[in-house]
Amino acid sequence: MALFQITDPDHPADPASYSLITGTPPSCTGNEQICTINATNDSGQPVLDTSILSEMVTALNTGVNQPNVNLKA
C-alpha cells in the first residue's frame, strides 16, 4: 500500500486525480473532502478497487476518517 494525496477533489474516483506521496504526508486541513488515501500503487497511481471506493463513500457521507481514507478536517 502507498499513500496518495488527492489533486483534483472534483473527481475522487479517478486514479489520475491523485499524486503519490514520497516524503512527509501533508497536513489535512480544510473542509471534509478527501485528503489522502492508502491504496495499491500502480505506476504512480492508486488502484481504486471497490473496497477503497466504499471507504471513500463512507468517509464522505459520515465525515469520519476510514482505515484507508483521511479527510481534510
PDB file of N, CA and C in Angstrom:
ATOM      1  N   MET A   1       0.845  -1.175   0.000  1.00  0.00           N
ATOM      2  CA  MET A   1       0.000   0.000   0.000  1.00  0.00           C
ATOM      3  C   MET A   1       0.893   1.241   0.000  1.00  0.00           C
ATOM      4  N   ALA A   2       0.381   2.269  -0.657  1.00  0.00           N
ATOM      5  CA  ALA A   2       1.108   3.536  -0.749  1.00  0.00           C
ATOM      6  C   ALA A   2       0.152   4.670  -0.405  1.00  0.00           C
ATOM      7  N   LEU A   3       0.712   5.790  -0.011  1.00  0.00           N
ATOM      8  CA  LEU A   3      -0.085   6.953   0.352  1.00  0.00           C
ATOM      9  C   LEU A   3      -0.180   7.897  -0.845  1.00  0.00           C
ATOM     10  N   PHE A   4      -1.409   8.325  -1.150  1.00  0.00           N
ATOM     11  CA  PHE A   4      -1.669   9.234  -2.257  1.00  0.00           C
ATOM     12  C   PHE A   4      -2.438  10.447  -1.752  1.00  0.00           C
ATOM     13  N   GLN A   5      -2.109  11.621  -2.287  1.00  0.00           N
ATOM     14  CA  GLN A   5      -2.844  12.841  -1.978  1.00  0.00           C
ATOM     15  C   GLN A   5      -3.721  13.205  -3.169  1.00  0.00           C
ATOM     16  N   ILE A   6      -4.942  13.608  -2.889  1.00  0.00           N
ATOM     17  CA  ILE A   6      -5.841  13.994  -3.967  1.00  0.00           C
ATOM     18  C   ILE A   6      -5.399  15.350  -4.525  1.00  0.00           C
ATOM     19  N   THR A   7      -5.396  15.449  -5.839  1.00  0.00           N
ATOM     20  CA  THR A   7      -5.032  16.708  -6.501  1.00  0.00           C
ATOM     21  C   THR A   7      -6.221  17.321  -7.232  1.00  0.00           C
ATOM     22  N   ASP A   8      -7.256  16.535  -7.467  1.00  0.00           N
ATOM     23  CA  ASP A   8      -8.474  17.017  -8.113  1.00  0.00           C
ATOM     24  C   ASP A   8      -9.679  16.504  -7.331  1.00  0.00           C
ATOM     25  N   PRO A   9     -10.080  17.252  -6.279  1.00  0.00           N
ATOM     26  CA  PRO A   9     -11.169  16.773  -5.423  1.00  0.00           C
ATOM     27  C   PRO A   9     -12.523  16.676  -6.117  1.00  0.00           C
ATOM     28  N   ASP A  10     -12.650  17.234  -7.308  1.00  0.00           N
ATOM     29  CA  ASP A  10     -13.911  17.126  -8.039  1.00  0.00           C
ATOM     30  C   ASP A  10     -14.092  15.746  -8.668  1.00  0.00           C
ATOM     31  N   HIS A  11     -13.006  14.960  -8.738  1.00  0.00           N
ATOM     32  CA  HIS A  11     -13.060  13.630  -9.365  1.00  0.00           C
ATOM     33  C   HIS A  11     -12.349  12.588  -8.491  1.00  0.00           C
ATOM     34  N   PRO A  12     -12.861  12.334  -7.281  1.00  0.00           N
ATOM     35  CA  PRO A  12     -12.153  11.420  -6.372  1.00  0.00           C
ATOM     36  C   PRO A  12     -12.124   9.963  -6.820  1.00  0.00           C
ATOM     37  N   ALA A  13     -12.964   9.567  -7.766  1.00  0.00           N
ATOM     38  CA  ALA A  13     -12.970   8.174  -8.229  1.00  0.00           C
ATOM     39  C   ALA A  13     -12.073   7.959  -9.444  1.00  0.00           C
ATOM     40  N   ASP A  14     -11.322   8.982  -9.837  1.00  0.00           N
ATOM     41  CA  ASP A  14     -10.412   8.897 -10.987  1.00  0.00           C
ATOM     42  C   ASP A  14      -8.978   8.757 -10.475  1.00  0.00           C
ATOM     43  N   PRO A  15      -8.295   7.659 -10.770  1.00  0.00           N
ATOM     44  CA  PRO A  15      -6.914   7.489 -10.304  1.00  0.00           C
ATOM     45  C   PRO A  15      -5.989   8.631 -10.713  1.00  0.00           C
ATOM     46  N   ALA A  16      -6.270   9.300 -11.823  1.00  0.00           N
ATOM     47  CA  ALA A  16      -5.428  10.417 -12.269  1.00  0.00           C
ATOM     48  C   ALA A  16      -5.582  11.648 -11.369  1.00  0.00           C
ATOM     49  N   SER A  17      -6.539  11.610 -10.448  1.00  0.00           N
ATOM     50  CA  SER A  17      -6.779  12.728  -9.532  1.00  0.00           C
ATOM     51  C   SER A  17      -5.895  12.676  -8.287  1.00  0.00           C
ATOM     52  N   TYR A  18      -4.909  11.779  -8.261  1.00  0.00           N
ATOM     53  CA  TYR A  18      -4.053  11.589  -7.096  1.00  0.00           C
ATOM     54  C   TYR A  18      -2.585  11.655  -7.473  1.00  0.00           C
ATOM     55  N   SER A  19      -1.770  12.083  -6.503  1.00  0.00           N
ATOM     56  CA  SER A  19      -0.323  12.021  -6.683  1.00  0.00           C
ATOM     57  C   SER A  19       0.267  11.199  -5.544  1.00  0.00           C
ATOM     58  N   LEU A  20       1.283  10.425  -5.868  1.00  0.00           N
ATOM     59  CA  LEU A  20       1.962   9.568  -4.907  1.00  0.00           C
ATOM     60  C   LEU A  20       2.775  10.439  -3.958  1.00  0.00           C
ATOM     61  N   ILE A  21       2.649  10.192  -2.661  1.00  0.00           N
ATOM     62  CA  ILE A  21       3.417  10.938  -1.668  1.00  0.00           C
ATOM     63  C   ILE A  21       4.676  10.144  -1.358  1.00  0.00           C
ATOM     64  N   THR A  22       5.814  10.761  -1.597  1.00  0.00           N
ATOM     65  CA  THR A  22       7.075  10.075  -1.349  1.00  0.00           C
ATOM     66  C   THR A  22       7.806  10.646  -0.140  1.00  0.00           C
ATOM     67  N   GLY A  23       7.374  11.799   0.349  1.00  0.00           N
ATOM     68  CA  GLY A  23       8.009  12.412   1.511  1.00  0.00           C
ATOM     69  C   GLY A  23       7.062  12.458   2.687  1.00  0.00           C
ATOM     70  N   THR A  24       7.085  13.588   3.365  1.00  0.00           N
ATOM     71  CA  THR A  24       6.242  13.792   4.533  1.00  0.00           C
ATOM     72  C   THR A  24       4.781  13.913   4.123  1.00  0.00           C
ATOM     73  N   PRO A  25       3.892  13.184   4.781  1.00  0.00           N
ATOM     74  CA  PRO A  25       2.462  13.316   4.465  1.00  0.00           C
ATOM     75  C   PRO A  25       1.988  14.744   4.706  1.00  0.00           C
ATOM     76  N   PRO A  26       1.047  15.215   3.893  1.00  0.00           N
ATOM     77  CA  PRO A  26       0.565  16.588   4.047  1.00  0.00           C
ATOM     78  C   PRO A  26      -0.321  16.724   5.278  1.00  0.00           C
ATOM     79  N   SER A  27      -0.420  17.973   5.762  1.00  0.00           N
ATOM     80  CA  SER A  27      -1.410  18.208   6.810  1.00  0.00           C
ATOM     81  C   SER A  27      -2.759  18.328   6.107  1.00  0.00           C
ATOM     82  N   CYS A  28      -3.755  17.765   6.682  1.00  0.00           N
ATOM     83  CA  CYS A  28      -5.066  17.720   6.045  1.00  0.00           C
ATOM     84  C   CYS A  28      -6.013  18.681   6.746  1.00  0.00           C
ATOM     85  N   THR A  29      -5.938  19.944   6.383  1.00  0.00           N
ATOM     86  CA  THR A  29      -6.815  20.938   6.989  1.00  0.00           C
ATOM     87  C   THR A  29      -7.775  21.466   5.939  1.00  0.00           C
ATOM     88  N   GLY A  30      -8.915  21.910   6.400  1.00  0.00           N
ATOM     89  CA  GLY A  30      -9.891  22.478   5.475  1.00  0.00           C
ATOM     90  C   GLY A  30     -11.249  21.831   5.642  1.00  0.00           C
ATOM     91  N   ASN A  31     -11.918  21.628   4.527  1.00  0.00           N
ATOM     92  CA  ASN A  31     -13.273  21.060   4.539  1.00  0.00           C
ATOM     93  C   ASN A  31     -13.214  19.542   4.678  1.00  0.00           C
ATOM     94  N   GLU A  32     -14.342  18.906   4.707  1.00  0.00           N
ATOM     95  CA  GLU A  32     -14.390  17.455   4.900  1.00  0.00           C
ATOM     96  C   GLU A  32     -14.342  16.698   3.574  1.00  0.00           C
ATOM     97  N   GLN A  33     -13.434  17.109   2.683  1.00  0.00           N
ATOM     98  CA  GLN A  33     -13.206  16.379   1.442  1.00  0.00           C
ATOM     99  C   GLN A  33     -12.035  15.429   1.659  1.00  0.00           C
ATOM    100  N   ILE A  34     -11.828  14.534   0.725  1.00  0.00           N
ATOM    101  CA  ILE A  34     -10.726  13.577   0.831  1.00  0.00           C
ATOM    102  C   ILE A  34      -9.396  14.312   0.739  1.00  0.00           C
ATOM    103  N   CYS A  35      -8.474  13.925   1.616  1.00  0.00           N
ATOM    104  CA  CYS A  35      -7.120  14.470   1.598  1.00  0.00           C
ATOM    105  C   CYS A  35      -6.144  13.419   1.076  1.00  0.00           C
ATOM    106  N   THR A  36      -6.093  12.272   1.756  1.00  0.00           N
ATOM    107  CA  THR A  36      -5.184  11.201   1.349  1.00  0.00           C
ATOM    108  C   THR A  36      -5.898   9.850   1.402  1.00  0.00           C
ATOM    109  N   ILE A  37      -5.359   8.919   0.620  1.00  0.00           N
ATOM    110  CA  ILE A  37      -5.838   7.538   0.658  1.00  0.00           C
ATOM    111  C   ILE A  37      -4.627   6.603   0.663  1.00  0.00           C
ATOM    112  N   ASN A  38      -4.804   5.444   1.271  1.00  0.00           N
ATOM    113  CA  ASN A  38      -3.826   4.363   1.197  1.00  0.00           C
ATOM    114  C   ASN A  38      -4.369   3.361   0.196  1.00  0.00           C
ATOM    115  N   ALA A  39      -3.617   3.115  -0.859  1.00  0.00           N
ATOM    116  CA  ALA A  39      -4.074   2.197  -1.901  1.00  0.00           C
ATOM    117  C   ALA A  39      -2.867   1.527  -2.551  1.00  0.00           C
ATOM    118  N   THR A  40      -3.130   0.471  -3.278  1.00  0.00           N
ATOM    119  CA  THR A  40      -2.079  -0.191  -4.043  1.00  0.00           C
ATOM    120  C   THR A  40      -1.565   0.761  -5.115  1.00  0.00           C
ATOM    121  N   ASN A  41      -0.249   0.810  -5.263  1.00  0.00           N
ATOM    122  CA  ASN A  41       0.395   1.686  -6.235  1.00  0.00           C
ATOM    123  C   ASN A  41       0.517   0.973  -7.579  1.00  0.00           C
ATOM    124  N   ASP A  42      -0.035   1.570  -8.623  1.00  0.00           N
ATOM    125  CA  ASP A  42       0.079   1.053  -9.984  1.00  0.00           C
ATOM    126  C   ASP A  42       0.744   2.118 -10.845  1.00  0.00           C
ATOM    127  N   SER A  43       2.054   2.080 -10.920  1.00  0.00           N
ATOM    128  CA  SER A  43       2.835   3.029 -11.724  1.00  0.00           C
ATOM    129  C   SER A  43       2.547   4.485 -11.345  1.00  0.00           C
ATOM    130  N   GLY A  44       2.476   4.743 -10.038  1.00  0.00           N
ATOM    131  CA  GLY A  44       2.288   6.109  -9.562  1.00  0.00           C
ATOM    132  C   GLY A  44       0.850   6.550  -9.404  1.00  0.00           C
ATOM    133  N   GLN A  45      -0.090   5.647  -9.686  1.00  0.00           N
ATOM    134  CA  GLN A  45      -1.500   5.961  -9.496  1.00  0.00           C
ATOM    135  C   GLN A  45      -2.126   4.902  -8.593  1.00  0.00           C
ATOM    136  N   PRO A  46      -3.125   5.318  -7.806  1.00  0.00           N
ATOM    137  CA  PRO A  46      -3.759   4.340  -6.910  1.00  0.00           C
ATOM    138  C   PRO A  46      -4.691   3.396  -7.651  1.00  0.00           C
ATOM    139  N   VAL A  47      -4.765   2.172  -7.157  1.00  0.00           N
ATOM    140  CA  VAL A  47      -5.756   1.224  -7.651  1.00  0.00           C
ATOM    141  C   VAL A  47      -7.018   1.465  -6.824  1.00  0.00           C
ATOM    142  N   LEU A  48      -8.064   1.950  -7.474  1.00  0.00           N
ATOM    143  CA  LEU A  48      -9.311   2.275  -6.783  1.00  0.00           C
ATOM    144  C   LEU A  48     -10.295   1.116  -6.942  1.00  0.00           C
ATOM    145  N   ASP A  49     -10.114   0.104  -6.095  1.00  0.00           N
ATOM    146  CA  ASP A  49     -10.995  -1.062  -6.147  1.00  0.00           C
ATOM    147  C   ASP A  49     -12.264  -0.775  -5.337  1.00  0.00           C
ATOM    148  N   THR A  50     -13.176  -1.723  -5.320  1.00  0.00           N
ATOM    149  CA  THR A  50     -14.458  -1.492  -4.645  1.00  0.00           C
ATOM    150  C   THR A  50     -14.281  -1.248  -3.150  1.00  0.00           C
ATOM    151  N   SER A  51     -13.275  -1.842  -2.553  1.00  0.00           N
ATOM    152  CA  SER A  51     -13.037  -1.671  -1.126  1.00  0.00           C
ATOM    153  C   SER A  51     -12.679  -0.218  -0.794  1.00  0.00           C
ATOM    154  N   ILE A  52     -11.709   0.344  -1.513  1.00  0.00           N
ATOM    155  CA  ILE A  52     -11.298   1.724  -1.232  1.00  0.00           C
ATOM    156  C   ILE A  52     -12.400   2.706  -1.640  1.00  0.00           C
ATOM    157  N   LEU A  53     -13.091   2.428  -2.727  1.00  0.00           N
ATOM    158  CA  LEU A  53     -14.196   3.307  -3.136  1.00  0.00           C
ATOM    159  C   LEU A  53     -15.295   3.318  -2.080  1.00  0.00           C
ATOM    160  N   SER A  54     -15.579   2.161  -1.485  1.00  0.00           N
ATOM    161  CA  SER A  54     -16.573   2.078  -0.428  1.00  0.00           C
ATOM    162  C   SER A  54     -16.143   2.891   0.793  1.00  0.00           C
ATOM    163  N   GLU A  55     -14.870   2.798   1.157  1.00  0.00           N
ATOM    164  CA  GLU A  55     -14.362   3.590   2.276  1.00  0.00           C
ATOM    165  C   GLU A  55     -14.455   5.083   1.976  1.00  0.00           C
ATOM    166  N   MET A  56     -14.202   5.473   0.734  1.00  0.00           N
ATOM    167  CA  MET A  56     -14.291   6.879   0.345  1.00  0.00           C
ATOM    168  C   MET A  56     -15.723   7.384   0.510  1.00  0.00           C
ATOM    169  N   VAL A  57     -16.696   6.607   0.045  1.00  0.00           N
ATOM    170  CA  VAL A  57     -18.104   6.991   0.157  1.00  0.00           C
ATOM    171  C   VAL A  57     -18.507   7.094   1.625  1.00  0.00           C
ATOM    172  N   THR A  58     -18.097   6.114   2.437  1.00  0.00           N
ATOM    173  CA  THR A  58     -18.432   6.131   3.856  1.00  0.00           C
ATOM    174  C   THR A  58     -17.825   7.354   4.543  1.00  0.00           C
ATOM    175  N   ALA A  59     -16.562   7.639   4.255  1.00  0.00           N
ATOM    176  CA  ALA A  59     -15.899   8.798   4.860  1.00  0.00           C
ATOM    177  C   ALA A  59     -16.600  10.095   4.480  1.00  0.00           C
ATOM    178  N   LEU A  60     -16.931  10.243   3.203  1.00  0.00           N
ATOM    179  CA  LEU A  60     -17.586  11.468   2.752  1.00  0.00           C
ATOM    180  C   LEU A  60     -18.993  11.604   3.325  1.00  0.00           C
ATOM    181  N   ASN A  61     -19.712  10.500   3.443  1.00  0.00           N
ATOM    182  CA  ASN A  61     -21.084  10.554   3.958  1.00  0.00           C
ATOM    183  C   ASN A  61     -21.152  10.768   5.468  1.00  0.00           C
ATOM    184  N   THR A  62     -20.159  10.257   6.193  1.00  0.00           N
ATOM    185  CA  THR A  62     -20.186  10.356   7.652  1.00  0.00           C
ATOM    186  C   THR A  62     -19.304  11.474   8.202  1.00  0.00           C
ATOM    187  N   GLY A  63     -18.348  11.941   7.396  1.00  0.00           N
ATOM    188  CA  GLY A  63     -17.400  12.942   7.878  1.00  0.00           C
ATOM    189  C   GLY A  63     -16.369  12.362   8.825  1.00  0.00           C
ATOM    190  N   VAL A  64     -16.203  11.040   8.789  1.00  0.00           N
ATOM    191  CA  VAL A  64     -15.279  10.343   9.684  1.00  0.00           C
ATOM    192  C   VAL A  64     -14.226   9.619   8.848  1.00  0.00           C
ATOM    193  N   ASN A  65     -12.945   9.770   9.232  1.00  0.00           N
ATOM    194  CA  ASN A  65     -11.875   9.052   8.552  1.00  0.00           C
ATOM    195  C   ASN A  65     -12.129   7.553   8.595  1.00  0.00           C
ATOM    196  N   GLN A  66     -11.682   6.866   7.567  1.00  0.00           N
ATOM    197  CA  GLN A  66     -11.775   5.413   7.480  1.00  0.00           C
ATOM    198  C   GLN A  66     -10.355   4.861   7.502  1.00  0.00           C
ATOM    199  N   PRO A  67     -10.189   3.544   7.639  1.00  0.00           N
ATOM    200  CA  PRO A  67      -8.829   2.989   7.739  1.00  0.00           C
ATOM    201  C   PRO A  67      -7.882   3.416   6.605  1.00  0.00           C
ATOM    202  N   ASN A  68      -8.407   3.578   5.387  1.00  0.00           N
ATOM    203  CA  ASN A  68      -7.543   3.921   4.256  1.00  0.00           C
ATOM    204  C   ASN A  68      -7.910   5.244   3.597  1.00  0.00           C
ATOM    205  N   VAL A  69      -8.742   6.042   4.270  1.00  0.00           N
ATOM    206  CA  VAL A  69      -9.166   7.335   3.726  1.00  0.00           C
ATOM    207  C   VAL A  69      -9.072   8.379   4.826  1.00  0.00           C
ATOM    208  N   ASN A  70      -8.313   9.447   4.550  1.00  0.00           N
ATOM    209  CA  ASN A  70      -8.135  10.531   5.507  1.00  0.00           C
ATOM    210  C   ASN A  70      -8.771  11.788   4.932  1.00  0.00           C
ATOM    211  N   LEU A  71      -9.715  12.348   5.665  1.00  0.00           N
ATOM    212  CA  LEU A  71     -10.400  13.563   5.222  1.00  0.00           C
ATOM    213  C   LEU A  71      -9.662  14.811   5.685  1.00  0.00           C
ATOM    214  N   LYS A  72      -9.887  15.916   4.972  1.00  0.00           N
ATOM    215  CA  LYS A  72      -9.430  17.213   5.447  1.00  0.00           C
ATOM    216  C   LYS A  72     -10.361  17.614   6.586  1.00  0.00           C
ATOM    217  N   ALA A  73      -9.808  17.968   7.716  1.00  0.00           N
ATOM    218  CA  ALA A  73     -10.663  18.298   8.862  1.00  0.00           C
ATOM    219  C   ALA A  73     -10.397  19.699   9.368  1.00  0.00           C
TER     220      ALA A  73
END
